Every structure is written in structure tokens, then in C-alpha cells.
Amino acid sequence: MPYTGEQFHLVHRTAQENTPLLLLQPCLALYKPFIHMIPQSQAAALTKPGYLTLVRRNVLRALGQQPPLPTPHRPGCDARAFPPPLPLPAAASTGGGQPGATPAPGTGSRPRGTQLGQPLLCVLQDGEVFEKAGVNVSVVFGILSEEAARQMRSRGKSLKAKDGKLPFCAMGVSSVIHPKNPHVPTMHFNYRYFEIEEADGTIQWWFGGGTDLTPTYLNEEDAVHFHKTLKEACDKHDLKLYPKYKKWCDDYFYIKHRGERRGIGGIFFDDVDSPSKEEVFQFVKSCAKAVVPCYIPIVKRHYHDSFTPEEKLWQQLRRGRYVEFNLLYDRGTKFGLLTPGSRIESILMSLPLTARWEYMHTPPESSKEAEILEVLRNPKDWVH
């Protein structure tokens, strides 16, 4: 398919420059397998000649091989060169079909105050392999809200506003996959770029992101594979990065009121602005390219595993914890909800289709459920 292997650029524009800045699309490599997940009639609609012509035209324009689109009248990010909505990643790399699955691609619009460059969202629901899975590609620019600025300053950022305003630009790709089978773990990744223009015209920029795994039941072979793959991606750039970002991930996904982590971690980083923009960008791309090899082999290994109603119940209880973390602690969710005119459906795309809460539920000692809880309370080193 034309998406596979392509390199799309988001285009950053100011009055003085038109520079390809960001390539954050690990989802592209998964476009072709996705086609097998959906009914043939719908797959045909995504691959009809007119659609692909539009894709090629946008790709060429983004790469500067066609006349550029008009430069906006204000500084910021112009995502009009961004390709049309992308199908969901990762889902059918299992090799099996998804009868009954409902792909729901969509774009959003926002009220005045925040500008949006073609928000791209595709969600799959009620599949045989994935109960809910989605990818969200977002490019947004405007004036940072007071609440969002306060949140960033609390992380140590010195933001000098002009007349109380801080122009910002943010872009990124995120995906969350909630499988149907409780023996297939949930996977999340997010890679993003952010910049803010201060009162004196100085641009503060940084990258953030990560990839993490949330199993319902512990499988040590899966955990080792997942972490080793991410470590290999990090080690290409600096041997210190994986241990640093693995610990950051364990600390970040801590559900304080429960005393446990959301999952078995992976890597997480934020506010990374050194050694240089290009070097950090290359690191981010390496992490993004590791998404498929770290997760899809695990899916293939377990999506046909048998499971009991009791195991499905435990999955629903663990998903309740997932919801608690995302709504109470997740930075991306908080930023989205604090941004004027946010598209709520996109922000809450990460939540599972179903979840459950039971009063004072405690698994029996020495059970498989107790085993995963122990790891969530006391993170392990999976690669040494």
C-alpha cells in the first residue's frame, strides 16, 4: 500500500521559514496489515484510486515536491500538508481477520481559540482480536490556556508570556490497543513535539513520549521481549537512556491512591530538549519504529489462547485501574481537557470499551492475579 514505508512530514512554518520538522508516524508501517481486519467492502473504499491519488498528492506536497500551500498569516504549525486520515495501526498484524469490527475514522473540529490542522482519528471497536483500538494524530496550535501553562511551570518550565499570552504548537501520534483476550496485554504509545513562543520571541521546544505495556496476567517471556526491544532502540543512541526512561516510566504510571503501577512499564520521557533537536528527533524515531516489533509478536503468541469468565472479569477490573490513571494523572489527558475547544472523543480515545469496579476486591494469595499485582507494586528489571 502507498502508506507503507513512506515518510510524511508535518510542516512547521513561520514568516521566515518553511522547514520539514517532524516525522512521527510509526503507525504507517502497520497500514497494510490493517486492511485485512475490516470488511472487504470497507477496505476497498480506503484503497480506491481517488483516495490514493489524494494521499500521494499530500505526501508530495509535504515533502516539498509540489508547490507549497499558502503560508499562514501567523506563526505556528501548518498541518494542511498532512495526509488524510490514517487507518488504525497494529491491529491486524496478528494475521487474522476482524469480522464484526467497526472501523470509525474521523476528523474533528474545534471552537474558536485553538487552531487545528486536520485532526486524524481512527478507532476500531468490537473486533475479534481487539475490543477497542485507536490511533490519533494531532496537530494543534493557538494560545496556551492559563491552566496548561500552570501545569508546565509546575514541571520547572520558565514561560514568559507577552500580554498574558503564550503561542504554542503541539503535534504527535498516539495509539492505545485494548485486546479482547485477557492474555493479550494492552499497549500504548505516544510520541510528540511541543514548542512555545515566549515574550521575547524565544522558542522553547521539547520532545516527549514513550511505549508501555499493561498485561492482565504476567507472562515473563513477553515482558522480557517487550523491554529488550525498547532497550535496543534506546541503546542505538546512548546506553544510559533505557535505564533512565524505564525508571521514569515506572514512576510516571504510578497510581498513587492504589499503590501500584498501571502496567509493567516500558519507556517514558518528557521535556527532552538536548543535546540537539535533530539528535532527539532521531532518538524519537528509533523508539517509534520499535513499536511494532515489541508488541505484535506478543499478540500473535496469545490472541488464540483460551480464557475463562473469571479471567475476563479480572481483565475488566484491571481496566478500571487503567481508567483511573488516565483520568486522574495522565499529562496528555489533562492538557487536552485544559485546552479550549478540545475534541473530547479524541482525548478519551485511550479508555477501554468496558471496565469494572468491585467493592474491596482482593485476589487469593499465590493466584495468577496476585502475581501480577506483586509486579505492579514492585517493578522488576526485565533485561538483566
Protein backbone atom coordinates (compact mmCIF):
# COMPACT_ATOMS: atom_id res chain seq x y z
CA MET A 1 0.00 0.00 0.00
CA PRO A 2 1.23 3.53 -0.67
CA TYR A 3 1.42 4.43 3.03
CA THR A 4 3.84 1.63 3.87
CA GLY A 5 7.40 2.86 4.13
CA GLU A 6 6.51 6.41 3.21
CA GLN A 7 7.93 9.30 5.20
CA PHE A 8 5.41 12.00 5.94
CA HIS A 9 6.45 15.37 7.30
CA LEU A 10 4.49 17.78 9.34
CA VAL A 11 5.49 21.21 8.14
CA HIS A 12 6.47 23.90 10.61
CA ARG A 13 6.03 27.36 9.17
CA THR A 14 6.90 30.84 10.32
CA ALA A 15 7.02 34.03 8.30
CA GLN A 16 10.72 33.36 7.61
CA GLU A 17 10.90 29.60 7.08
CA ASN A 18 9.18 26.54 5.75
CA THR A 19 11.08 23.64 7.28
CA PRO A 20 10.12 19.95 7.46
CA LEU A 21 10.26 19.39 11.20
CA LEU A 22 8.61 16.26 12.42
CA LEU A 23 8.15 12.68 11.32
CA LEU A 24 6.20 10.84 13.96
CA GLN A 25 4.25 8.05 12.32
CA PRO A 26 5.09 4.53 13.47
CA CYS A 27 1.50 3.75 12.51
CA LEU A 28 2.34 3.92 8.80
CA ALA A 29 4.19 0.62 8.75
CA LEU A 30 1.01 -1.05 10.01
CA TYR A 31 -1.35 0.31 7.39
CA LYS A 32 -1.18 -2.70 5.09
CA PRO A 33 -1.92 -5.35 7.75
CA PHE A 34 -4.86 -3.28 8.94
CA ILE A 35 -6.65 -3.70 5.63
CA HIS A 36 -7.18 -7.39 6.42
CA MET A 37 -9.03 -6.55 9.63
CA ILE A 38 -12.02 -4.86 8.12
CA PRO A 39 -14.75 -5.99 5.75
CA GLN A 40 -13.67 -6.16 2.12
CA SER A 41 -16.14 -3.50 1.05
CA GLN A 42 -14.73 -1.00 3.56
CA ALA A 43 -11.14 -1.90 2.71
CA ALA A 44 -11.95 -1.23 -0.95
CA ALA A 45 -13.19 2.23 -0.05
CA LEU A 46 -9.86 3.04 1.62
CA THR A 47 -7.87 1.90 -1.40
CA LYS A 48 -9.92 3.31 -4.26
CA PRO A 49 -7.88 5.29 -6.83
CA GLY A 50 -9.26 8.68 -5.88
CA TYR A 51 -8.29 8.20 -2.25
CA LEU A 52 -4.78 7.07 -3.08
CA THR A 53 -4.31 9.96 -5.51
CA LEU A 54 -5.17 12.33 -2.68
CA VAL A 55 -2.68 10.55 -0.43
CA ARG A 56 0.12 10.84 -2.98
CA ARG A 57 -0.63 14.50 -3.65
CA ASN A 58 -0.47 15.35 0.05
CA VAL A 59 2.70 13.33 0.57
CA LEU A 60 4.46 15.04 -2.32
CA ARG A 61 3.35 18.44 -1.12
CA ALA A 62 4.55 17.70 2.40
CA LEU A 63 7.94 16.66 1.05
CA GLY A 64 8.24 19.85 -0.97
CA GLN A 65 7.90 18.16 -4.36
CA GLN A 66 4.78 20.12 -5.27
CA PRO A 67 4.06 23.84 -4.88
CA PRO A 68 3.65 24.57 -1.14
CA LEU A 69 0.34 25.55 0.32
CA PRO A 70 -0.05 29.21 1.30
CA THR A 71 1.87 30.18 4.43
CA PRO A 72 -0.42 31.06 7.34
CA HIS A 73 -0.67 34.70 8.34
CA ARG A 74 0.59 33.88 11.83
CA PRO A 75 3.44 31.82 13.28
CA GLY A 76 2.67 28.25 14.19
CA CYS A 77 2.29 24.81 12.69
CA ASP A 78 0.50 24.28 9.42
CA ALA A 79 -0.82 20.77 9.10
CA ARG A 80 -2.68 21.28 5.84
CA ALA A 81 0.08 19.27 4.18
CA PHE A 82 -0.72 16.39 6.49
CA PRO A 83 -2.06 13.26 4.76
CA PRO A 84 -5.73 12.26 5.04
CA PRO A 85 -6.96 10.06 7.92
CA LEU A 86 -4.77 7.04 8.56
CA PRO A 87 -6.16 3.60 9.27
CA LEU A 88 -5.58 2.07 12.69
CA PRO A 89 -2.16 0.59 13.33
CA ALA A 90 -1.09 -2.71 14.78
CA ALA A 91 -4.47 -4.32 14.83
CA ALA A 92 -4.33 -6.97 12.13
CA SER A 93 -0.67 -7.67 12.20
CA THR A 94 -1.94 -10.74 14.04
CA GLY A 95 -2.59 -12.13 10.60
CA GLY A 96 -6.23 -12.86 11.37
CA GLY A 97 -9.37 -11.06 10.27
CA GLN A 98 -11.64 -8.95 12.43
CA PRO A 99 -15.18 -9.95 11.49
CA GLY A 100 -17.71 -7.61 13.01
CA ALA A 101 -15.13 -4.95 13.80
CA THR A 102 -16.21 -1.38 13.21
CA PRO A 103 -13.51 0.95 11.93
CA ALA A 104 -14.51 4.52 12.70
CA PRO A 105 -12.13 7.03 11.12
CA GLY A 106 -12.94 10.63 11.89
CA THR A 107 -11.71 14.15 11.93
CA GLY A 108 -12.73 16.78 14.40
CA SER A 109 -13.40 20.46 14.53
CA ARG A 110 -12.81 22.89 17.37
CA PRO A 111 -14.48 26.06 18.54
CA ARG A 112 -12.62 29.34 18.21
CA GLY A 113 -9.46 29.80 20.25
CA THR A 114 -7.47 26.75 19.23
CA GLN A 115 -6.49 26.08 15.62
CA LEU A 116 -6.33 22.56 14.34
CA GLY A 117 -4.53 21.02 11.38
CA GLN A 118 -6.71 18.13 10.22
CA PRO A 119 -7.01 16.05 13.41
CA LEU A 120 -6.83 12.42 12.37
CA LEU A 121 -8.50 9.73 14.42
CA CYS A 122 -9.34 6.14 13.63
CA VAL A 123 -10.93 3.79 16.15
CA LEU A 124 -11.72 0.10 15.82
CA GLN A 125 -14.35 -1.40 18.13
CA ASP A 126 -15.77 -4.85 18.84
CA GLY A 127 -13.22 -6.83 16.88
CA GLU A 128 -12.41 -10.48 17.49
CA VAL A 129 -8.82 -9.66 18.42
CA PHE A 130 -9.11 -6.09 19.65
CA GLU A 131 -12.06 -4.93 21.67
CA LYS A 132 -11.08 -1.30 21.15
CA ALA A 133 -8.05 0.17 19.44
CA GLY A 134 -7.29 3.57 18.02
CA VAL A 135 -4.70 5.92 16.65
CA ASN A 136 -4.85 9.67 16.99
CA VAL A 137 -2.65 12.05 15.01
CA SER A 138 -2.95 15.60 16.27
CA VAL A 139 -1.51 18.94 15.21
CA VAL A 140 -2.73 21.90 17.19
CA PHE A 141 -1.64 25.47 17.69
CA GLY A 142 -3.03 28.53 19.40
CA ILE A 143 -2.70 30.31 22.74
CA LEU A 144 -1.80 28.19 25.75
CA SER A 145 -4.51 28.20 28.39
CA GLU A 146 -3.63 29.51 31.87
CA GLU A 147 -4.25 26.07 33.36
CA ALA A 148 -1.94 24.35 30.85
CA ALA A 149 0.77 26.99 31.39
CA ARG A 150 0.49 26.49 35.14
CA GLN A 151 0.89 22.73 34.69
CA MET A 152 4.05 23.23 32.62
CA ARG A 153 5.55 25.72 35.06
CA SER A 154 4.99 23.18 37.83
CA ARG A 155 7.42 20.91 35.90
CA GLY A 156 10.09 23.63 36.07
CA LYS A 157 9.49 25.45 32.80
CA SER A 158 10.08 29.21 32.82
CA LEU A 159 7.49 30.61 30.41
CA LYS A 160 7.49 34.38 29.88
CA ALA A 161 4.18 35.48 28.43
CA LYS A 162 3.53 38.59 26.36
CA ASP A 163 0.34 40.36 27.41
CA GLY A 164 -0.56 37.17 29.23
CA LYS A 165 -0.39 35.08 26.04
CA LEU A 166 1.84 32.16 25.10
CA PRO A 167 1.53 30.98 21.48
CA PHE A 168 2.13 27.24 21.24
CA CYS A 169 2.32 24.45 18.71
CA ALA A 170 1.95 20.76 19.55
CA MET A 171 1.92 17.67 17.37
CA GLY A 172 2.13 13.96 17.88
CA VAL A 173 0.79 10.50 17.30
CA SER A 174 -0.66 8.21 19.95
CA SER A 175 -2.26 4.80 19.97
CA VAL A 176 -3.91 2.58 22.55
CA ILE A 177 -4.89 -1.03 21.89
CA HIS A 178 -7.19 -2.93 24.26
CA PRO A 179 -7.38 -6.60 23.20
CA LYS A 180 -10.36 -8.84 23.75
CA ASN A 181 -8.38 -11.79 25.13
CA PRO A 182 -7.16 -11.20 28.72
CA HIS A 183 -3.91 -13.00 27.84
CA VAL A 184 -3.04 -10.31 25.27
CA PRO A 185 -1.79 -7.16 27.02
CA THR A 186 -2.92 -3.62 26.37
CA MET A 187 -0.31 -1.48 24.62
CA HIS A 188 0.04 2.29 24.49
CA PHE A 189 2.48 4.55 22.70
CA ASN A 190 2.71 8.30 22.26
CA TYR A 191 5.38 10.43 20.62
CA ARG A 192 5.03 14.20 20.49
CA TYR A 193 6.72 17.53 19.85
CA PHE A 194 5.87 20.80 21.59
CA GLU A 195 7.05 24.38 21.22
CA ILE A 196 6.13 27.67 22.85
CA GLU A 197 6.97 31.22 21.77
CA GLU A 198 7.92 33.45 24.69
CA ALA A 199 7.53 37.23 25.02
CA ASP A 200 10.96 37.98 23.51
CA GLY A 201 10.40 35.68 20.55
CA THR A 202 12.46 32.83 22.00
CA ILE A 203 11.15 29.39 21.08
CA GLN A 204 11.15 26.70 23.75
CA TRP A 205 10.86 23.22 22.25
CA TRP A 206 10.90 19.69 23.56
CA PHE A 207 10.01 16.11 22.69
CA GLY A 208 8.18 13.60 24.83
CA GLY A 209 6.65 10.17 24.59
CA GLY A 210 7.04 6.52 25.32
CA THR A 211 5.72 3.00 24.87
CA ASP A 212 4.32 0.86 27.68
CA LEU A 213 2.62 -2.49 28.25
CA THR A 214 -0.31 -3.29 30.54
CA PRO A 215 -0.90 -7.04 30.87
CA THR A 216 -3.82 -8.56 32.74
CA TYR A 217 -1.70 -11.61 33.58
CA LEU A 218 2.06 -11.77 33.85
CA ASN A 219 3.99 -13.60 31.15
CA GLU A 220 7.71 -13.17 31.81
CA GLU A 221 8.73 -14.12 28.27
CA ASP A 222 6.50 -11.34 26.90
CA ALA A 223 7.80 -8.83 29.42
CA VAL A 224 11.43 -9.59 28.58
CA HIS A 225 10.78 -9.36 24.83
CA PHE A 226 8.96 -6.04 25.17
CA HIS A 227 11.62 -4.41 27.31
CA LYS A 228 14.59 -5.81 25.36
CA THR A 229 13.18 -4.45 22.10
CA LEU A 230 12.78 -0.98 23.60
CA LYS A 231 16.25 -1.19 25.15
CA GLU A 232 17.77 -1.97 21.75
CA ALA A 233 16.11 1.11 20.28
CA CYS A 234 17.45 3.30 23.10
CA ASP A 235 20.94 1.77 23.05
CA LYS A 236 21.46 2.93 19.46
CA HIS A 237 21.71 6.45 20.83
CA ASP A 238 23.01 6.20 24.41
CA LEU A 239 23.32 3.23 26.78
CA LYS A 240 22.10 5.42 29.65
CA LEU A 241 18.73 6.14 28.07
CA TYR A 242 16.88 2.86 28.63
CA PRO A 243 17.51 2.57 32.39
CA LYS A 244 16.71 6.25 32.83
CA TYR A 245 13.48 6.16 30.83
CA LYS A 246 12.45 2.74 32.17
CA LYS A 247 12.54 4.12 35.72
CA TRP A 248 10.76 7.27 34.57
CA CYS A 249 8.04 5.07 33.07
CA ASP A 250 7.61 3.09 36.30
CA ASP A 251 7.39 6.33 38.27
CA TYR A 252 5.09 8.11 35.81
CA PHE A 253 2.47 5.35 35.56
CA TYR A 254 2.14 5.07 39.33
CA ILE A 255 -1.46 5.11 40.58
CA LYS A 256 -0.86 6.84 43.89
CA HIS A 257 -4.17 6.09 45.54
CA ARG A 258 -3.78 2.36 44.72
CA GLY A 259 -0.07 2.00 45.45
CA GLU A 260 0.56 0.22 42.15
CA ARG A 261 1.63 0.89 38.58
CA ARG A 262 -0.75 0.85 35.65
CA GLY A 263 1.29 -1.87 33.92
CA ILE A 264 4.77 -3.37 33.65
CA GLY A 265 6.17 -0.22 32.09
CA GLY A 266 8.42 0.32 29.12
CA ILE A 267 9.94 3.73 28.48
CA PHE A 268 8.68 7.24 29.14
CA PHE A 269 10.30 10.65 28.75
CA ASP A 270 9.20 14.27 28.56
CA ASP A 271 10.65 17.79 28.24
CA VAL A 272 13.66 16.41 26.34
CA ASP A 273 15.43 19.32 24.61
CA SER A 274 19.07 18.23 24.39
CA PRO A 275 21.61 17.55 23.02
CA SER A 276 20.06 18.98 19.82
CA LYS A 277 16.69 18.94 18.10
CA GLU A 278 17.91 16.64 15.33
CA GLU A 279 19.56 14.19 17.72
CA VAL A 280 16.47 13.96 19.94
CA PHE A 281 14.32 13.58 16.84
CA GLN A 282 16.41 10.64 15.62
CA PHE A 283 16.03 9.01 19.04
CA VAL A 284 12.25 9.52 18.96
CA LYS A 285 12.07 7.91 15.52
CA SER A 286 14.02 4.88 16.75
CA CYS A 287 11.55 4.47 19.62
CA ALA A 288 8.59 4.83 17.27
CA LYS A 289 9.98 2.20 14.91
CA ALA A 290 10.26 -0.23 17.85
CA VAL A 291 6.51 -0.19 18.50
CA VAL A 292 5.64 -2.95 16.01
CA PRO A 293 8.42 -5.43 16.87
CA CYS A 294 7.98 -5.01 20.62
CA TYR A 295 4.22 -5.67 20.61
CA ILE A 296 2.96 -7.62 17.60
CA PRO A 297 4.86 -10.86 18.37
CA ILE A 298 3.14 -10.89 21.77
CA VAL A 299 -0.27 -10.50 20.13
CA LYS A 300 0.46 -13.31 17.70
CA ARG A 301 1.51 -15.57 20.56
CA HIS A 302 -1.67 -15.19 22.60
CA TYR A 303 -4.68 -13.96 20.70
CA HIS A 304 -5.96 -17.54 20.26
CA ASP A 305 -5.37 -18.51 23.91
CA SER A 306 -8.43 -19.84 25.72
CA PHE A 307 -9.70 -17.93 28.76
CA THR A 308 -12.31 -18.32 31.46
CA PRO A 309 -15.09 -15.96 32.58
CA GLU A 310 -13.08 -15.38 35.78
CA GLU A 311 -10.06 -14.26 33.74
CA LYS A 312 -12.25 -11.92 31.70
CA LEU A 313 -13.60 -10.46 34.95
CA TRP A 314 -10.05 -9.77 36.19
CA GLN A 315 -9.28 -8.04 32.89
CA GLN A 316 -12.26 -5.74 33.44
CA LEU A 317 -11.11 -4.90 36.97
CA ARG A 318 -7.60 -4.08 35.71
CA ARG A 319 -9.08 -1.86 33.04
CA GLY A 320 -10.77 0.04 35.83
CA ARG A 321 -7.28 0.89 37.08
CA TYR A 322 -6.34 1.98 33.56
CA VAL A 323 -9.25 4.41 33.54
CA GLU A 324 -8.34 5.75 36.99
CA PHE A 325 -4.79 6.58 35.93
CA ASN A 326 -5.75 8.19 32.64
CA LEU A 327 -8.41 10.44 34.13
CA LEU A 328 -6.54 11.42 37.29
CA TYR A 329 -2.85 11.54 36.40
CA ASP A 330 -2.10 11.39 32.68
CA ARG A 331 -0.44 14.59 31.40
CA GLY A 332 -1.78 14.27 27.88
CA THR A 333 -5.35 13.83 29.06
CA LYS A 334 -5.02 16.78 31.42
CA PHE A 335 -3.53 19.00 28.71
CA GLY A 336 -6.27 18.07 26.27
CA LEU A 337 -9.05 18.74 28.76
CA LEU A 338 -7.45 22.11 29.65
CA THR A 339 -7.14 23.19 26.01
CA PRO A 340 -10.04 25.37 24.83
CA GLY A 341 -12.15 23.67 22.18
CA SER A 342 -10.60 20.24 22.64
CA ARG A 343 -12.23 17.31 20.88
CA ILE A 344 -13.22 15.18 23.87
CA GLU A 345 -13.74 11.99 21.86
CA SER A 346 -10.11 12.15 20.71
CA ILE A 347 -8.79 12.82 24.21
CA LEU A 348 -10.72 9.92 25.72
CA MET A 349 -9.93 7.54 22.86
CA SER A 350 -7.46 5.82 25.20
CA LEU A 351 -10.16 4.50 27.52
CA PRO A 352 -11.23 0.85 27.16
CA LEU A 353 -14.62 -0.05 25.75
CA THR A 354 -15.56 -1.79 29.01
CA ALA A 355 -14.27 -1.74 32.59
CA ARG A 356 -15.45 -2.81 36.03
CA TRP A 357 -15.16 -1.78 39.66
CA GLU A 358 -15.99 -4.13 42.53
CA TYR A 359 -16.05 -3.18 46.18
CA MET A 360 -13.00 -4.43 48.13
CA HIS A 361 -11.95 -6.99 45.54
CA THR A 362 -8.83 -8.87 46.63
CA PRO A 363 -7.41 -11.83 44.66
CA PRO A 364 -6.42 -15.00 46.54
CA GLU A 365 -2.80 -15.35 47.66
CA SER A 366 -0.50 -17.22 45.27
CA SER A 367 -3.01 -16.78 42.43
CA LYS A 368 -2.11 -15.56 38.93
CA GLU A 369 -3.95 -12.35 39.77
CA ALA A 370 -1.84 -11.85 42.91
CA GLU A 371 1.30 -12.49 40.84
CA ILE A 372 0.70 -9.55 38.51
CA LEU A 373 -0.23 -7.31 41.45
CA GLU A 374 3.13 -8.02 43.07
CA VAL A 375 4.97 -6.85 39.94
CA LEU A 376 2.77 -3.75 39.66
CA ARG A 377 3.63 -2.85 43.26
CA ASN A 378 7.33 -3.68 42.93
CA PRO A 379 8.64 -3.11 39.36
CA LYS A 380 11.22 -5.57 38.04
CA ASP A 381 14.31 -5.28 35.90
CA TRP A 382 13.40 -7.32 32.81
CA VAL A 383 16.61 -7.11 30.80
CA HIS A 384 19.41 -8.13 33.21
